[in-house]
Amino acid sequence: MFLLVCFVFLYVPSQLIVREDPALTFHNISSSVQLFRLGIAGSMLCYIAFTLLPLVLYRLLKDVNGTYAKLMVILALISVPISFINLQNKFSVLTIIEGAGYLKTLNAEQLQSQVMFLLNTYNKGILIVQIFWGLWLFPFGYLVYTSGFLPKILGVCLMLGCLGYVINVFSRTVVPDFSDYTIADYITLPASIGEIGICLWLLVMGVKNKKTGPVPID
């Protein structure tokens, strides 16, 4: 899952998108349409997996605090339809790149501008959904912190990650050049540490020391 996220959100954009050069971006996507398509497919797989993740975590943590466990699931699942709808911008990029007949009246520069507009709109959609990528981490982190069978430090990182995501979204909304500040590169770092850390802990250590009893299989 981690590798898929890196492929979708890091590798594909780094290979295809040059923010300051619409012509080069258009050329890159045109010459690597399959890679762009794989990026879209990978995004859908990520969102499907993210639909299942909070449900699995709910089964694990509902005995710690049922209210917080339900809140965690609700906030996480809200992000999924927003994410899928936002992908429409990338499908629209494909329509332009593959040269739909009704676009023949537009010249090259207009097509390039349309592609960049759609990619920027997609990024704004990601910014919106980050609110919920952050908010669900607070109840999740609280549950981890109070569970008694998971590392408290990871719970703290997750709760700080919630704060980092929320600050990041509002800062980028209110301050146009926030991305130029050094803090912008690190503000969501606690979330990454918490999310990756808890995944590794569950994979390696499991929940052998769970005090509230085993998670039911059925």
N, C-alpha and C. Protein backbone atom coordinates (compact mmCIF):
# COMPACT_ATOMS: atom_id res chain seq x y z
N MET A 1 0.84 -1.21 0.00
CA MET A 1 0.00 0.00 0.00
C MET A 1 0.88 1.26 0.00
N PHE A 2 1.91 1.23 0.85
CA PHE A 2 2.81 2.38 0.93
C PHE A 2 3.48 2.62 -0.41
N LEU A 3 3.90 1.55 -1.07
CA LEU A 3 4.55 1.68 -2.38
C LEU A 3 3.57 2.23 -3.42
N LEU A 4 2.32 1.81 -3.33
CA LEU A 4 1.31 2.31 -4.27
C LEU A 4 1.07 3.80 -4.08
N VAL A 5 1.01 4.24 -2.83
CA VAL A 5 0.84 5.67 -2.53
C VAL A 5 2.01 6.47 -3.08
N CYS A 6 3.22 5.96 -2.89
CA CYS A 6 4.41 6.65 -3.41
C CYS A 6 4.36 6.73 -4.93
N PHE A 7 3.92 5.66 -5.58
CA PHE A 7 3.82 5.65 -7.04
C PHE A 7 2.82 6.69 -7.53
N VAL A 8 1.66 6.73 -6.89
CA VAL A 8 0.57 7.60 -7.34
C VAL A 8 0.86 9.07 -7.06
N PHE A 9 1.28 9.36 -5.85
CA PHE A 9 1.37 10.76 -5.42
C PHE A 9 2.77 11.37 -5.54
N LEU A 10 3.78 10.53 -5.76
CA LEU A 10 5.14 11.04 -5.89
C LEU A 10 5.76 10.75 -7.25
N TYR A 11 5.81 9.47 -7.63
CA TYR A 11 6.53 9.10 -8.84
C TYR A 11 5.86 9.62 -10.11
N VAL A 12 4.58 9.35 -10.28
CA VAL A 12 3.89 9.76 -11.51
C VAL A 12 3.94 11.28 -11.71
N PRO A 13 3.58 12.10 -10.71
CA PRO A 13 3.68 13.55 -10.92
C PRO A 13 5.10 14.01 -11.22
N SER A 14 6.10 13.39 -10.58
CA SER A 14 7.49 13.82 -10.80
C SER A 14 7.95 13.53 -12.23
N GLN A 15 7.35 12.53 -12.85
CA GLN A 15 7.74 12.15 -14.20
C GLN A 15 6.99 12.94 -15.28
N LEU A 16 5.82 13.44 -14.95
CA LEU A 16 4.95 14.02 -15.98
C LEU A 16 4.69 15.52 -15.83
N ILE A 17 4.62 16.03 -14.63
CA ILE A 17 4.11 17.38 -14.43
C ILE A 17 5.23 18.36 -14.09
N VAL A 18 5.27 19.44 -14.87
CA VAL A 18 6.21 20.54 -14.62
C VAL A 18 5.34 21.78 -14.46
N ARG A 19 5.18 22.22 -13.24
CA ARG A 19 4.20 23.26 -12.92
C ARG A 19 4.39 24.54 -13.73
N GLU A 20 5.63 24.92 -13.96
CA GLU A 20 5.91 26.19 -14.64
C GLU A 20 5.95 26.07 -16.15
N ASP A 21 5.71 24.88 -16.68
CA ASP A 21 5.86 24.67 -18.13
C ASP A 21 4.69 23.86 -18.68
N PRO A 22 3.58 24.52 -19.05
CA PRO A 22 2.42 23.81 -19.59
C PRO A 22 2.74 22.99 -20.84
N ALA A 23 3.60 23.52 -21.72
CA ALA A 23 3.93 22.81 -22.96
C ALA A 23 4.65 21.50 -22.67
N LEU A 24 5.61 21.54 -21.74
CA LEU A 24 6.36 20.33 -21.40
C LEU A 24 5.46 19.33 -20.68
N THR A 25 4.60 19.81 -19.83
CA THR A 25 3.65 18.93 -19.13
C THR A 25 2.75 18.24 -20.13
N PHE A 26 2.22 18.99 -21.07
CA PHE A 26 1.36 18.43 -22.11
C PHE A 26 2.11 17.37 -22.91
N HIS A 27 3.35 17.67 -23.27
CA HIS A 27 4.17 16.72 -24.02
C HIS A 27 4.43 15.45 -23.20
N ASN A 28 4.78 15.63 -21.93
CA ASN A 28 5.09 14.48 -21.08
C ASN A 28 3.90 13.53 -20.95
N ILE A 29 2.73 14.11 -20.72
CA ILE A 29 1.54 13.27 -20.56
C ILE A 29 1.17 12.62 -21.89
N SER A 30 1.29 13.38 -22.97
CA SER A 30 0.96 12.85 -24.29
C SER A 30 1.84 11.67 -24.67
N SER A 31 3.11 11.75 -24.30
CA SER A 31 4.06 10.70 -24.66
C SER A 31 4.09 9.56 -23.64
N SER A 32 3.41 9.75 -22.51
CA SER A 32 3.37 8.69 -21.48
C SER A 32 1.95 8.55 -20.95
N VAL A 33 1.00 8.41 -21.88
CA VAL A 33 -0.40 8.33 -21.48
C VAL A 33 -0.65 7.13 -20.58
N GLN A 34 0.02 6.01 -20.88
CA GLN A 34 -0.21 4.82 -20.08
C GLN A 34 0.21 5.01 -18.62
N LEU A 35 1.31 5.72 -18.42
CA LEU A 35 1.76 6.02 -17.05
C LEU A 35 0.73 6.89 -16.34
N PHE A 36 0.18 7.87 -17.07
CA PHE A 36 -0.84 8.74 -16.49
C PHE A 36 -2.08 7.92 -16.13
N ARG A 37 -2.46 6.98 -17.01
CA ARG A 37 -3.60 6.12 -16.73
C ARG A 37 -3.35 5.22 -15.52
N LEU A 38 -2.13 4.70 -15.41
CA LEU A 38 -1.78 3.88 -14.26
C LEU A 38 -1.86 4.68 -12.97
N GLY A 39 -1.50 5.96 -13.06
CA GLY A 39 -1.61 6.83 -11.89
C GLY A 39 -3.06 6.96 -11.44
N ILE A 40 -3.98 7.10 -12.40
CA ILE A 40 -5.41 7.21 -12.07
C ILE A 40 -5.90 5.90 -11.46
N ALA A 41 -5.53 4.77 -12.10
CA ALA A 41 -5.95 3.46 -11.58
C ALA A 41 -5.39 3.24 -10.18
N GLY A 42 -4.12 3.63 -9.97
CA GLY A 42 -3.52 3.49 -8.66
C GLY A 42 -4.24 4.33 -7.62
N SER A 43 -4.68 5.54 -8.01
CA SER A 43 -5.44 6.38 -7.09
C SER A 43 -6.72 5.69 -6.66
N MET A 44 -7.42 5.07 -7.60
CA MET A 44 -8.67 4.39 -7.27
C MET A 44 -8.43 3.23 -6.31
N LEU A 45 -7.34 2.49 -6.53
CA LEU A 45 -7.00 1.40 -5.62
C LEU A 45 -6.69 1.92 -4.21
N CYS A 46 -5.99 3.04 -4.15
CA CYS A 46 -5.69 3.66 -2.85
C CYS A 46 -6.97 4.04 -2.12
N TYR A 47 -7.92 4.63 -2.84
CA TYR A 47 -9.15 5.08 -2.20
C TYR A 47 -10.02 3.89 -1.77
N ILE A 48 -10.00 2.82 -2.56
CA ILE A 48 -10.73 1.61 -2.16
C ILE A 48 -10.13 1.03 -0.89
N ALA A 49 -8.80 0.96 -0.85
CA ALA A 49 -8.11 0.45 0.34
C ALA A 49 -8.41 1.33 1.55
N PHE A 50 -8.47 2.64 1.33
CA PHE A 50 -8.73 3.57 2.43
C PHE A 50 -10.16 3.45 2.92
N THR A 51 -11.06 2.93 2.08
CA THR A 51 -12.42 2.66 2.52
C THR A 51 -12.44 1.50 3.52
N LEU A 52 -11.59 0.52 3.28
CA LEU A 52 -11.57 -0.67 4.14
C LEU A 52 -10.77 -0.46 5.42
N LEU A 53 -9.73 0.37 5.35
CA LEU A 53 -8.82 0.54 6.49
C LEU A 53 -9.52 0.96 7.78
N PRO A 54 -10.34 2.03 7.78
CA PRO A 54 -10.97 2.43 9.05
C PRO A 54 -11.94 1.39 9.59
N LEU A 55 -12.52 0.58 8.69
CA LEU A 55 -13.42 -0.47 9.15
C LEU A 55 -12.66 -1.55 9.90
N VAL A 56 -11.46 -1.88 9.38
CA VAL A 56 -10.61 -2.85 10.07
C VAL A 56 -10.16 -2.29 11.42
N LEU A 57 -9.76 -1.00 11.42
CA LEU A 57 -9.31 -0.38 12.66
C LEU A 57 -10.45 -0.27 13.68
N TYR A 58 -11.65 -0.10 13.19
CA TYR A 58 -12.81 -0.04 14.09
C TYR A 58 -12.97 -1.35 14.85
N ARG A 59 -12.82 -2.47 14.15
CA ARG A 59 -12.92 -3.77 14.81
C ARG A 59 -11.85 -3.93 15.88
N LEU A 60 -10.69 -3.35 15.62
CA LEU A 60 -9.59 -3.45 16.57
C LEU A 60 -9.76 -2.56 17.79
N LEU A 61 -10.34 -1.36 17.57
CA LEU A 61 -10.31 -0.32 18.60
C LEU A 61 -11.67 0.03 19.20
N LYS A 62 -12.74 -0.61 18.75
CA LYS A 62 -14.07 -0.21 19.22
C LYS A 62 -14.24 -0.45 20.72
N ASP A 63 -13.53 -1.43 21.29
CA ASP A 63 -13.67 -1.70 22.71
C ASP A 63 -12.91 -0.69 23.57
N VAL A 64 -12.02 0.08 22.95
CA VAL A 64 -11.28 1.11 23.69
C VAL A 64 -12.22 2.28 23.99
N ASN A 65 -12.91 2.75 22.94
CA ASN A 65 -13.89 3.82 23.09
C ASN A 65 -14.78 3.80 21.84
N GLY A 66 -15.99 3.33 22.02
CA GLY A 66 -16.88 3.14 20.87
C GLY A 66 -17.20 4.44 20.15
N THR A 67 -17.38 5.53 20.89
CA THR A 67 -17.72 6.82 20.28
C THR A 67 -16.59 7.32 19.39
N TYR A 68 -15.37 7.30 19.93
CA TYR A 68 -14.22 7.75 19.15
C TYR A 68 -13.97 6.83 17.96
N ALA A 69 -14.22 5.54 18.12
CA ALA A 69 -14.02 4.60 17.01
C ALA A 69 -14.99 4.90 15.87
N LYS A 70 -16.24 5.21 16.21
CA LYS A 70 -17.22 5.56 15.18
C LYS A 70 -16.87 6.88 14.50
N LEU A 71 -16.43 7.86 15.30
CA LEU A 71 -16.03 9.15 14.74
C LEU A 71 -14.86 8.98 13.78
N MET A 72 -13.91 8.13 14.14
CA MET A 72 -12.76 7.84 13.28
C MET A 72 -13.22 7.31 11.93
N VAL A 73 -14.15 6.36 11.94
CA VAL A 73 -14.64 5.77 10.70
C VAL A 73 -15.38 6.80 9.85
N ILE A 74 -16.25 7.58 10.48
CA ILE A 74 -17.05 8.57 9.74
C ILE A 74 -16.16 9.60 9.05
N LEU A 75 -15.21 10.16 9.79
CA LEU A 75 -14.32 11.19 9.23
C LEU A 75 -13.45 10.62 8.11
N ALA A 76 -13.00 9.38 8.27
CA ALA A 76 -12.17 8.77 7.23
C ALA A 76 -12.99 8.52 5.96
N LEU A 77 -14.20 8.00 6.12
CA LEU A 77 -15.01 7.62 4.96
C LEU A 77 -15.53 8.83 4.19
N ILE A 78 -15.70 9.97 4.87
CA ILE A 78 -16.15 11.18 4.17
C ILE A 78 -15.18 11.55 3.06
N SER A 79 -13.89 11.27 3.27
CA SER A 79 -12.89 11.66 2.28
C SER A 79 -12.96 10.86 0.99
N VAL A 80 -13.53 9.66 1.05
CA VAL A 80 -13.47 8.75 -0.10
C VAL A 80 -14.27 9.26 -1.31
N PRO A 81 -15.57 9.60 -1.17
CA PRO A 81 -16.30 10.11 -2.34
C PRO A 81 -15.71 11.41 -2.88
N ILE A 82 -15.21 12.28 -1.99
CA ILE A 82 -14.58 13.52 -2.46
C ILE A 82 -13.36 13.18 -3.33
N SER A 83 -12.59 12.20 -2.90
CA SER A 83 -11.39 11.80 -3.64
C SER A 83 -11.74 11.24 -5.00
N PHE A 84 -12.77 10.39 -5.06
CA PHE A 84 -13.17 9.80 -6.34
C PHE A 84 -13.71 10.87 -7.29
N ILE A 85 -14.53 11.77 -6.78
CA ILE A 85 -15.07 12.84 -7.62
C ILE A 85 -13.94 13.72 -8.15
N ASN A 86 -12.95 13.97 -7.33
CA ASN A 86 -11.83 14.80 -7.74
C ASN A 86 -11.04 14.18 -8.89
N LEU A 87 -11.07 12.84 -8.99
CA LEU A 87 -10.35 12.16 -10.08
C LEU A 87 -10.92 12.52 -11.46
N GLN A 88 -12.15 13.03 -11.49
CA GLN A 88 -12.74 13.43 -12.77
C GLN A 88 -11.87 14.45 -13.49
N ASN A 89 -11.15 15.26 -12.74
CA ASN A 89 -10.25 16.23 -13.37
C ASN A 89 -9.17 15.54 -14.19
N LYS A 90 -8.66 14.42 -13.71
CA LYS A 90 -7.63 13.70 -14.45
C LYS A 90 -8.21 12.97 -15.66
N PHE A 91 -9.43 12.48 -15.53
CA PHE A 91 -10.08 11.88 -16.70
C PHE A 91 -10.32 12.94 -17.77
N SER A 92 -10.62 14.17 -17.34
CA SER A 92 -10.80 15.26 -18.31
C SER A 92 -9.48 15.59 -19.00
N VAL A 93 -8.37 15.49 -18.27
CA VAL A 93 -7.06 15.68 -18.89
C VAL A 93 -6.86 14.64 -19.99
N LEU A 94 -7.24 13.39 -19.73
CA LEU A 94 -7.12 12.34 -20.75
C LEU A 94 -7.94 12.68 -21.99
N THR A 95 -9.13 13.22 -21.78
CA THR A 95 -9.99 13.61 -22.92
C THR A 95 -9.27 14.61 -23.81
N ILE A 96 -8.60 15.59 -23.19
CA ILE A 96 -7.87 16.60 -23.96
C ILE A 96 -6.65 16.00 -24.64
N ILE A 97 -5.88 15.23 -23.91
CA ILE A 97 -4.64 14.65 -24.43
C ILE A 97 -4.92 13.73 -25.61
N GLU A 98 -6.00 12.96 -25.51
CA GLU A 98 -6.31 11.99 -26.56
C GLU A 98 -7.08 12.61 -27.72
N GLY A 99 -7.31 13.92 -27.66
CA GLY A 99 -7.79 14.66 -28.82
C GLY A 99 -9.22 14.41 -29.23
N ALA A 100 -10.15 14.65 -28.32
CA ALA A 100 -11.57 14.54 -28.67
C ALA A 100 -11.90 15.50 -29.82
N GLY A 101 -12.77 15.07 -30.72
CA GLY A 101 -13.06 15.84 -31.93
C GLY A 101 -13.53 17.25 -31.67
N TYR A 102 -14.33 17.45 -30.64
CA TYR A 102 -14.87 18.79 -30.37
C TYR A 102 -13.82 19.75 -29.83
N LEU A 103 -12.59 19.26 -29.60
CA LEU A 103 -11.51 20.13 -29.13
C LEU A 103 -10.63 20.65 -30.26
N LYS A 104 -10.93 20.23 -31.48
CA LYS A 104 -10.08 20.61 -32.62
C LYS A 104 -10.11 22.10 -32.90
N THR A 105 -11.09 22.80 -32.39
CA THR A 105 -11.16 24.25 -32.62
C THR A 105 -10.17 25.01 -31.72
N LEU A 106 -9.58 24.33 -30.74
CA LEU A 106 -8.64 24.97 -29.83
C LEU A 106 -7.21 24.79 -30.34
N ASN A 107 -6.40 25.83 -30.18
CA ASN A 107 -5.00 25.70 -30.59
C ASN A 107 -4.19 25.04 -29.48
N ALA A 108 -2.91 24.80 -29.75
CA ALA A 108 -2.05 24.06 -28.83
C ALA A 108 -1.95 24.74 -27.47
N GLU A 109 -1.77 26.06 -27.49
CA GLU A 109 -1.62 26.78 -26.22
C GLU A 109 -2.90 26.70 -25.39
N GLN A 110 -4.04 26.75 -26.03
CA GLN A 110 -5.30 26.65 -25.29
C GLN A 110 -5.47 25.27 -24.66
N LEU A 111 -5.08 24.24 -25.41
CA LEU A 111 -5.17 22.88 -24.88
C LEU A 111 -4.22 22.70 -23.70
N GLN A 112 -3.02 23.24 -23.83
CA GLN A 112 -2.05 23.15 -22.74
C GLN A 112 -2.56 23.87 -21.49
N SER A 113 -3.17 25.02 -21.70
CA SER A 113 -3.71 25.78 -20.57
C SER A 113 -4.85 25.02 -19.90
N GLN A 114 -5.68 24.36 -20.71
CA GLN A 114 -6.77 23.57 -20.15
C GLN A 114 -6.25 22.42 -19.31
N VAL A 115 -5.20 21.77 -19.77
CA VAL A 115 -4.61 20.66 -19.02
C VAL A 115 -4.08 21.15 -17.67
N MET A 116 -3.35 22.26 -17.70
CA MET A 116 -2.80 22.79 -16.45
C MET A 116 -3.92 23.24 -15.50
N PHE A 117 -4.98 23.82 -16.06
CA PHE A 117 -6.12 24.23 -15.23
C PHE A 117 -6.72 23.02 -14.53
N LEU A 118 -6.91 21.93 -15.26
CA LEU A 118 -7.50 20.73 -14.68
C LEU A 118 -6.58 20.10 -13.63
N LEU A 119 -5.29 20.10 -13.89
CA LEU A 119 -4.34 19.56 -12.92
C LEU A 119 -4.31 20.41 -11.65
N ASN A 120 -4.39 21.72 -11.82
CA ASN A 120 -4.43 22.61 -10.66
C ASN A 120 -5.73 22.44 -9.88
N THR A 121 -6.83 22.23 -10.60
CA THR A 121 -8.11 21.98 -9.94
C THR A 121 -8.06 20.67 -9.16
N TYR A 122 -7.41 19.67 -9.75
CA TYR A 122 -7.22 18.40 -9.05
C TYR A 122 -6.44 18.60 -7.74
N ASN A 123 -5.40 19.40 -7.80
CA ASN A 123 -4.60 19.67 -6.61
C ASN A 123 -5.41 20.39 -5.53
N LYS A 124 -6.28 21.30 -5.97
CA LYS A 124 -7.14 21.98 -5.00
C LYS A 124 -8.11 20.99 -4.36
N GLY A 125 -8.56 20.01 -5.16
CA GLY A 125 -9.42 18.97 -4.60
C GLY A 125 -8.69 18.14 -3.56
N ILE A 126 -7.42 17.84 -3.83
CA ILE A 126 -6.61 17.11 -2.85
C ILE A 126 -6.46 17.94 -1.58
N LEU A 127 -6.33 19.25 -1.73
CA LEU A 127 -6.22 20.13 -0.56
C LEU A 127 -7.49 20.05 0.28
N ILE A 128 -8.64 20.03 -0.37
CA ILE A 128 -9.91 19.94 0.35
C ILE A 128 -10.00 18.61 1.11
N VAL A 129 -9.67 17.52 0.44
CA VAL A 129 -9.81 16.20 1.06
C VAL A 129 -8.81 16.01 2.20
N GLN A 130 -7.72 16.78 2.19
CA GLN A 130 -6.73 16.66 3.26
C GLN A 130 -7.31 17.05 4.62
N ILE A 131 -8.37 17.86 4.61
CA ILE A 131 -9.05 18.17 5.87
C ILE A 131 -9.47 16.88 6.58
N PHE A 132 -10.05 15.98 5.81
CA PHE A 132 -10.55 14.74 6.40
C PHE A 132 -9.43 13.72 6.59
N TRP A 133 -8.39 13.79 5.72
CA TRP A 133 -7.21 12.96 5.96
C TRP A 133 -6.58 13.31 7.31
N GLY A 134 -6.77 14.56 7.71
CA GLY A 134 -6.24 15.00 9.00
C GLY A 134 -7.20 14.73 10.14
N LEU A 135 -8.47 15.09 9.98
CA LEU A 135 -9.42 15.02 11.09
C LEU A 135 -9.59 13.60 11.64
N TRP A 136 -9.55 12.58 10.77
CA TRP A 136 -9.77 11.24 11.28
C TRP A 136 -8.60 10.76 12.14
N LEU A 137 -7.44 11.42 12.00
CA LEU A 137 -6.27 11.01 12.76
C LEU A 137 -6.39 11.34 14.25
N PHE A 138 -7.22 12.35 14.58
CA PHE A 138 -7.34 12.69 16.01
C PHE A 138 -8.03 11.59 16.80
N PRO A 139 -9.23 11.16 16.41
CA PRO A 139 -9.83 10.05 17.16
C PRO A 139 -9.01 8.77 17.05
N PHE A 140 -8.39 8.54 15.91
CA PHE A 140 -7.53 7.38 15.74
C PHE A 140 -6.35 7.45 16.72
N GLY A 141 -5.71 8.61 16.77
CA GLY A 141 -4.57 8.79 17.67
C GLY A 141 -4.98 8.65 19.13
N TYR A 142 -6.15 9.20 19.47
CA TYR A 142 -6.65 9.09 20.85
C TYR A 142 -6.87 7.63 21.21
N LEU A 143 -7.43 6.86 20.30
CA LEU A 143 -7.68 5.45 20.55
C LEU A 143 -6.37 4.68 20.72
N VAL A 144 -5.39 5.01 19.89
CA VAL A 144 -4.08 4.36 20.00
C VAL A 144 -3.45 4.72 21.35
N TYR A 145 -3.53 5.98 21.72
CA TYR A 145 -2.90 6.47 22.96
C TYR A 145 -3.51 5.81 24.19
N THR A 146 -4.81 5.63 24.19
CA THR A 146 -5.49 5.11 25.37
C THR A 146 -5.72 3.60 25.33
N SER A 147 -5.31 2.96 24.24
CA SER A 147 -5.60 1.53 24.06
C SER A 147 -4.94 0.64 25.10
N GLY A 148 -3.71 0.98 25.49
CA GLY A 148 -2.98 0.13 26.41
C GLY A 148 -2.22 -0.98 25.76
N PHE A 149 -2.45 -1.21 24.45
CA PHE A 149 -1.72 -2.27 23.76
C PHE A 149 -1.00 -1.76 22.50
N LEU A 150 -1.06 -0.46 22.27
CA LEU A 150 -0.35 0.16 21.15
C LEU A 150 0.53 1.28 21.71
N PRO A 151 1.64 1.59 21.04
CA PRO A 151 2.58 2.60 21.57
C PRO A 151 1.93 3.99 21.68
N LYS A 152 2.01 4.57 22.87
CA LYS A 152 1.42 5.89 23.09
C LYS A 152 2.05 6.95 22.18
N ILE A 153 3.35 6.82 21.92
CA ILE A 153 4.03 7.83 21.11
C ILE A 153 3.44 7.91 19.71
N LEU A 154 2.98 6.76 19.17
CA LEU A 154 2.35 6.78 17.86
C LEU A 154 0.99 7.47 17.92
N GLY A 155 0.30 7.30 19.04
CA GLY A 155 -0.96 8.03 19.21
C GLY A 155 -0.74 9.52 19.24
N VAL A 156 0.32 9.96 19.91
CA VAL A 156 0.65 11.39 19.96
C VAL A 156 0.96 11.90 18.55
N CYS A 157 1.75 11.13 17.79
CA CYS A 157 2.10 11.54 16.42
C CYS A 157 0.86 11.66 15.55
N LEU A 158 -0.08 10.75 15.72
CA LEU A 158 -1.30 10.80 14.92
C LEU A 158 -2.13 12.03 15.26
N MET A 159 -2.25 12.35 16.54
CA MET A 159 -3.02 13.53 16.94
C MET A 159 -2.34 14.81 16.48
N LEU A 160 -1.01 14.84 16.57
CA LEU A 160 -0.27 15.99 16.04
C LEU A 160 -0.41 16.05 14.52
N GLY A 161 -0.50 14.88 13.90
CA GLY A 161 -0.69 14.83 12.44
C GLY A 161 -2.00 15.46 12.03
N CYS A 162 -3.05 15.25 12.83
CA CYS A 162 -4.34 15.90 12.59
C CYS A 162 -4.15 17.41 12.57
N LEU A 163 -3.49 17.93 13.59
CA LEU A 163 -3.25 19.37 13.68
C LEU A 163 -2.43 19.86 12.49
N GLY A 164 -1.41 19.09 12.11
CA GLY A 164 -0.57 19.48 10.99
C GLY A 164 -1.33 19.58 9.69
N TYR A 165 -2.18 18.58 9.41
CA TYR A 165 -2.98 18.59 8.19
C TYR A 165 -3.92 19.80 8.16
N VAL A 166 -4.60 20.04 9.27
CA VAL A 166 -5.57 21.14 9.32
C VAL A 166 -4.87 22.48 9.12
N ILE A 167 -3.74 22.67 9.80
CA ILE A 167 -2.98 23.91 9.64
C ILE A 167 -2.50 24.06 8.21
N ASN A 168 -2.04 22.95 7.62
CA ASN A 168 -1.55 22.98 6.25
C ASN A 168 -2.64 23.43 5.27
N VAL A 169 -3.83 22.86 5.43
CA VAL A 169 -4.93 23.20 4.52
C VAL A 169 -5.32 24.66 4.63
N PHE A 170 -5.52 25.15 5.86
CA PHE A 170 -5.95 26.53 6.04
C PHE A 170 -4.84 27.52 5.69
N SER A 171 -3.60 27.13 5.95
CA SER A 171 -2.48 28.02 5.62
C SER A 171 -2.35 28.17 4.11
N ARG A 172 -2.48 27.06 3.38
CA ARG A 172 -2.39 27.12 1.91
C ARG A 172 -3.58 27.84 1.31
N THR A 173 -4.69 27.86 2.04
CA THR A 173 -5.88 28.57 1.56
C THR A 173 -5.77 30.07 1.80
N VAL A 174 -5.25 30.43 2.96
CA VAL A 174 -5.21 31.84 3.36
C VAL A 174 -3.93 32.53 2.89
N VAL A 175 -2.82 31.81 2.90
CA VAL A 175 -1.51 32.38 2.52
C VAL A 175 -1.10 31.82 1.16
N PRO A 176 -1.20 32.59 0.09
CA PRO A 176 -0.95 32.09 -1.26
C PRO A 176 0.42 31.44 -1.46
N ASP A 177 1.45 31.99 -0.82
CA ASP A 177 2.80 31.47 -1.01
C ASP A 177 3.27 30.62 0.16
N PHE A 178 2.33 29.99 0.89
CA PHE A 178 2.69 29.18 2.05
C PHE A 178 3.64 28.05 1.67
N SER A 179 3.50 27.50 0.47
CA SER A 179 4.36 26.39 0.05
C SER A 179 5.83 26.80 -0.04
N ASP A 180 6.11 28.09 -0.10
CA ASP A 180 7.49 28.56 -0.17
C ASP A 180 8.16 28.58 1.21
N TYR A 181 7.37 28.48 2.27
CA TYR A 181 7.92 28.48 3.62
C TYR A 181 8.49 27.10 3.95
N THR A 182 9.59 27.08 4.67
CA THR A 182 10.24 25.82 5.04
C THR A 182 9.31 24.91 5.83
N ILE A 183 8.50 25.49 6.71
CA ILE A 183 7.61 24.69 7.55
C ILE A 183 6.61 23.87 6.74
N ALA A 184 6.31 24.33 5.53
CA ALA A 184 5.34 23.63 4.69
C ALA A 184 5.80 22.22 4.34
N ASP A 185 7.11 22.01 4.30
CA ASP A 185 7.66 20.70 3.96
C ASP A 185 7.62 19.73 5.13
N TYR A 186 7.38 20.23 6.34
CA TYR A 186 7.48 19.37 7.53
C TYR A 186 6.20 19.32 8.36
N ILE A 187 5.23 20.14 8.02
CA ILE A 187 4.07 20.28 8.90
C ILE A 187 3.23 19.01 8.99
N THR A 188 3.25 18.19 7.93
CA THR A 188 2.50 16.94 7.98
C THR A 188 3.38 15.74 8.32
N LEU A 189 4.62 16.00 8.70
CA LEU A 189 5.55 14.91 9.03
C LEU A 189 5.06 14.05 10.20
N PRO A 190 4.53 14.64 11.29
CA PRO A 190 4.02 13.79 12.37
C PRO A 190 2.96 12.79 11.90
N ALA A 191 2.11 13.22 10.97
CA ALA A 191 1.09 12.31 10.44
C ALA A 191 1.74 11.13 9.73
N SER A 192 2.75 11.41 8.92
CA SER A 192 3.45 10.34 8.19
C SER A 192 4.11 9.37 9.16
N ILE A 193 4.76 9.92 10.19
CA ILE A 193 5.42 9.07 11.19
C ILE A 193 4.38 8.20 11.90
N GLY A 194 3.27 8.82 12.29
CA GLY A 194 2.24 8.08 13.00
C GLY A 194 1.59 7.00 12.15
N GLU A 195 1.24 7.34 10.91
CA GLU A 195 0.55 6.39 10.04
C GLU A 195 1.46 5.24 9.64
N ILE A 196 2.67 5.56 9.21
CA ILE A 196 3.61 4.50 8.83
C ILE A 196 4.01 3.67 10.05
N GLY A 197 4.23 4.37 11.17
CA GLY A 197 4.63 3.69 12.40
C GLY A 197 3.59 2.70 12.89
N ILE A 198 2.32 3.09 12.90
CA ILE A 198 1.28 2.20 13.40
C ILE A 198 1.08 1.02 12.46
N CYS A 199 1.22 1.26 11.15
CA CYS A 199 1.11 0.16 10.18
C CYS A 199 2.23 -0.86 10.40
N LEU A 200 3.45 -0.37 10.56
CA LEU A 200 4.59 -1.26 10.79
C LEU A 200 4.43 -2.01 12.12
N TRP A 201 3.97 -1.31 13.14
CA TRP A 201 3.78 -1.94 14.44
C TRP A 201 2.78 -3.10 14.35
N LEU A 202 1.65 -2.84 13.67
CA LEU A 202 0.62 -3.87 13.56
C LEU A 202 1.10 -5.05 12.72
N LEU A 203 1.91 -4.74 11.68
CA LEU A 203 2.42 -5.82 10.83
C LEU A 203 3.46 -6.67 11.54
N VAL A 204 4.34 -6.01 12.28
CA VAL A 204 5.45 -6.72 12.91
C VAL A 204 5.07 -7.28 14.28
N MET A 205 4.46 -6.44 15.12
CA MET A 205 4.17 -6.83 16.49
C MET A 205 2.77 -7.42 16.67
N GLY A 206 1.86 -7.03 15.79
CA GLY A 206 0.49 -7.49 15.94
C GLY A 206 -0.17 -6.87 17.16
N VAL A 207 -1.17 -7.54 17.68
CA VAL A 207 -1.88 -7.05 18.87
C VAL A 207 -1.90 -8.14 19.94
N LYS A 208 -0.75 -8.80 20.12
CA LYS A 208 -0.67 -9.91 21.07
C LYS A 208 -0.94 -9.48 22.49
N ASN A 209 -0.64 -8.22 22.81
CA ASN A 209 -0.79 -7.74 24.17
C ASN A 209 -2.10 -6.99 24.41
N LYS A 210 -3.04 -7.15 23.50
CA LYS A 210 -4.31 -6.43 23.64
C LYS A 210 -5.01 -6.83 24.94
N LYS A 211 -5.39 -5.82 25.71
CA LYS A 211 -5.94 -6.09 27.03
C LYS A 211 -7.45 -6.24 27.03
N THR A 212 -8.09 -5.76 26.01
CA THR A 212 -9.56 -5.78 26.00
C THR A 212 -10.11 -7.03 25.37
N GLY A 213 -9.26 -8.00 25.07
CA GLY A 213 -9.72 -9.24 24.47
C GLY A 213 -9.46 -9.28 23.00
N PRO A 214 -9.50 -10.45 22.38
CA PRO A 214 -9.20 -10.60 20.96
C PRO A 214 -10.26 -9.98 20.08
N VAL A 215 -9.82 -9.49 18.93
CA VAL A 215 -10.76 -8.94 17.96
C VAL A 215 -11.53 -10.08 17.32
N PRO A 216 -12.85 -10.06 17.32
CA PRO A 216 -13.62 -11.17 16.75
C PRO A 216 -13.37 -11.33 15.27
N ILE A 217 -13.35 -12.57 14.83
CA ILE A 217 -13.08 -12.84 13.40
C ILE A 217 -14.33 -12.62 12.58
N ASP A 218 -15.48 -12.95 13.14
CA ASP A 218 -16.74 -12.81 12.40
C ASP A 218 -17.35 -11.44 12.62
